[in-house]
Amino acid sequence: GINAEYGVDFVKSERESIPCKVRILQRSNMQVQLIRRPLTKSRVCARHQSYWANVQKGPEDPILGVTVAFNKDTNPKKINLGVGAYRDDNGKPFILSCVREAEERIFKKNLDHEYLPIGGLPAFTQVSAKLCLGEDSPAIHEKRYTTVQALSGTGGLRIGADFINRFAPKTANVWFPNPTWGNHQPIFTDAFHSSSRLKTYRYYDSKTCGLDFAGMAEDLKKAPAGDVVLFHTCAHNPTGVDPSLEQWKELSKIVKDKKLFPFFDTAYQGFASGDPAKDAAPIRIFVKDGHELAISQSFAKNFGLYGERIGAFSLVVSSAERAEAVESQLKILVRPMYSNPPVYGARVVSTILGDKELSSLWEKEVKIMADRIITMREKLVSGLKANGSQKNWKHITDQIGMFCYTGMTPEQVDRLSNEFSIYLTRNGRISVAGVTSKNVDYLAQAMHQVTKV
């Protein structure tokens, strides 16, 4: 047979049972001269081999697995405590009123959809810096900072990781708390093309379900000068355990004495305590103490803008001249990465934070979200006591933010899912956002059943 478009096809040879390739030598109105060239078996097999034959299927994300199991479960009492997104007391996504108002204002302006500058929307980067550093920050008044828009917190971390890899000493290690958010080390491993310079410092004390501050301080004091230390600014993910203000001050001194470089991952400002200024206190302590530092910000949780991928990356440096230099290099770094960021989320956040009325409304609404989480923690502990639990669950209310390290073992977590249709990751971490006034009593009863002696 002859393919009309290309003039070639595959036919059976009269002498052999394997396919032959047919090639047109000459074509006229009535005649076509053909030659037959038998295909060897190796050439036949090659046609069916993928260019990507060496790519193996990777492991599923453990949190995705939790959601898949939850969706398959038909129990009407089932609970999903694995999702890292805020839900209201009916278990539904919460759209902030300030966001809706900002969207209406943006729509009425009839704006275009032109590209943003490489560094992002200037109005957004300005309010982002002021939100975490404070309006009266010396770094802002002295112009010792630069901020670029990023693809949410993950993008901010990746920009920072690439910048560190490009300009920090090649011997510099990056230290993470143990445990830390599951995406931290993969981000830096990809940026560094290796995990050999990634280290951990002690953080969570499984005996108390609290902070191992002594171990944390001891490990950081041993870190070589020039190393980078990643801190969770507030609402540590996954443990919900944060240092106190006095401990942050001590950490600032350790980092300064050891000549380390602090990098703050700020994913929950306002969402942790309900007070954006209080949640940003660690950053402001370090700036006041004269540190140069990096900040990654996410506006997913505290503005409910998960799908807009809106975030920022900032560097606070020693001078305005140095700020100009690092900004130029950040833009050079961003250009081949994604050229420029999306505009919609930046417009929403800048509209809210750039307006006193909307900014005030946002502060009220982010406190509503934070307070609901705090209330669910309190009700869960009360429910455990009401069910007769003799365990000390104080750590649930001592911890803060969306996540809670319950202290439950993998075996106890398995029982929760198998016997009660309650789904969470096997390290015992629950997303408190999945707890509501309608299911908290059932959760408390189930947790007591699997943890009682």
Foldseek 3Di string as FASTA:
>chain_A
DADPPPGWDWDADPVDRAIWTWDWDDDDPPDTDIDTHGDDPVRVVVVVDDPVNVDDDDDDDLLVVLVVLLVVDPDPLFFEFSDPAFAPQVRHQDAAPLLVVLVVVVVVVVDDFDFAAAQFDVLLQVLQCCLQQNPPHPLVVQQQKDKGKALFLLRQLLLVLLLCLVPAPVQAAEEEEVVAPPCNQVSNCVSNVHSPRYHYWYFADLVVLEGPLVRRLVVLLPHAARYEYEDALALTPAALYDDDLVSLLVVLVSCVVRNYEYEYRYEQQCLWQLHNCVSSSSVNSNVVVPGWYKYKYGPCHLNVPVPQSIIMIMTRHDHNVVNVVVVVVSSVVSCVVPNHGGHDVSSSVSSQSVDPVSVVSSSVVSSVNQVQLLVLLVLLVVLLVVLPAPDDQVQSNNGIGQKHQRSDALVLQVCCCVPPNYTHRSSRMGGSSRDHPVNSNVVSNSSNVSPPD
